[in-house]
């Protein structure tokens, strides 16, 4: 998200109205709710974590204990427990 000059984007009348409230300040205008994307929607991050969590559960079922899983996946034992519980 980069800076956009409102002079290039907004009608003069709207810009003048905004200047009554926020002259000389930087503001963020959020997207409408219907245009927002869910976490991980633009990348493969959601898929990566889903696959990793399934593999953690498989490793657990195959006999790895929490300490081994924690070391293998660089997570705390509490995180491993939470993932296993969610995968059941």
Protein backbone atom coordinates (compact mmCIF):
# COMPACT_ATOMS: atom_id res chain seq x y z
CA UNK A 1 0.00 0.00 0.00
CA UNK A 2 1.65 3.17 -1.14
CA UNK A 3 0.92 6.82 -0.68
CA UNK A 4 -1.50 8.26 -3.23
CA UNK A 5 -1.84 12.00 -3.74
CA UNK A 6 -5.51 12.88 -3.21
CA UNK A 7 -5.19 15.74 -5.72
CA UNK A 8 -4.85 13.05 -8.39
CA UNK A 9 -7.65 10.86 -6.99
CA UNK A 10 -10.45 12.96 -5.56
CA UNK A 11 -12.77 15.59 -6.99
CA UNK A 12 -11.81 19.11 -5.93
CA UNK A 13 -15.01 19.56 -3.90
CA UNK A 14 -14.44 16.37 -1.89
CA UNK A 15 -10.80 17.27 -1.27
CA UNK A 16 -11.85 20.69 0.07
CA UNK A 17 -14.39 19.02 2.39
CA UNK A 18 -11.74 16.61 3.72
CA UNK A 19 -9.37 19.51 4.32
CA UNK A 20 -11.90 20.89 6.81
CA UNK A 21 -11.24 17.82 9.01
CA UNK A 22 -7.73 16.53 8.29
CA UNK A 23 -5.72 19.22 6.57
CA UNK A 24 -2.03 18.27 6.29
CA UNK A 25 -2.50 14.83 7.89
CA UNK A 26 -2.12 11.35 6.49
CA UNK A 27 -5.26 9.25 6.80
CA UNK A 28 -6.14 5.66 5.99
CA UNK A 29 -9.46 5.00 4.28
CA UNK A 30 -10.47 1.40 4.98
CA UNK A 31 -12.04 -0.87 2.39
CA UNK A 32 -15.75 -1.55 2.52
CA UNK A 33 -16.58 -4.74 4.41
CA UNK A 34 -17.69 -6.52 1.26
CA UNK A 35 -14.34 -5.79 -0.42
CA UNK A 36 -12.13 -7.06 2.39
CA UNK A 37 -10.21 -10.29 1.95
CA UNK A 38 -9.74 -12.95 4.59
CA UNK A 39 -6.37 -13.68 6.15
CA UNK A 40 -4.15 -15.69 3.79
CA UNK A 41 -6.41 -15.18 0.79
CA UNK A 42 -3.75 -13.48 -1.35
CA UNK A 43 -0.95 -15.95 -0.60
CA UNK A 44 -0.44 -19.66 -0.04
CA UNK A 45 0.15 -19.09 3.69
CA UNK A 46 -3.19 -20.59 4.71
CA UNK A 47 -2.49 -23.70 2.63
CA UNK A 48 1.06 -23.98 4.02
CA UNK A 49 -0.09 -23.94 7.66
CA UNK A 50 -2.95 -26.32 6.95
CA UNK A 51 -0.55 -28.81 5.35
CA UNK A 52 1.99 -28.40 8.15
CA UNK A 53 -0.65 -28.94 10.82
CA UNK A 54 -1.92 -32.12 9.13
CA UNK A 55 1.66 -33.42 9.03
CA UNK A 56 2.13 -32.63 12.73
CA UNK A 57 -0.96 -34.69 13.48
CA UNK A 58 0.27 -37.58 11.29
CA UNK A 59 3.66 -37.50 13.03
CA UNK A 60 1.89 -37.52 16.40
CA UNK A 61 -0.22 -40.52 15.39
CA UNK A 62 2.96 -42.27 14.27
CA UNK A 63 4.43 -42.00 17.75
CA UNK A 64 6.37 -38.74 17.94
CA UNK A 65 6.00 -37.08 21.34
CA UNK A 66 5.39 -33.38 22.00
CA UNK A 67 9.07 -32.65 22.59
CA UNK A 68 10.12 -34.21 19.29
CA UNK A 69 7.37 -32.41 17.39
CA UNK A 70 8.28 -29.15 19.07
CA UNK A 71 11.90 -29.47 17.93
CA UNK A 72 11.02 -30.64 14.43
CA UNK A 73 8.55 -27.83 13.73
CA UNK A 74 10.14 -25.09 15.85
CA UNK A 75 6.96 -24.60 17.90
CA UNK A 76 6.24 -24.70 21.61
CA UNK A 77 4.76 -27.86 23.05
CA UNK A 78 1.62 -25.86 23.88
CA UNK A 79 1.26 -24.90 20.20
CA UNK A 80 1.73 -28.54 19.18
CA UNK A 81 -0.97 -29.58 21.66
CA UNK A 82 -3.36 -26.98 20.24
CA UNK A 83 -2.71 -28.13 16.67
CA UNK A 84 -3.23 -31.80 17.56
CA UNK A 85 -6.49 -30.94 19.32
CA UNK A 86 -7.71 -28.98 16.27
CA UNK A 87 -6.78 -31.80 13.88
CA UNK A 88 -8.72 -34.48 15.76
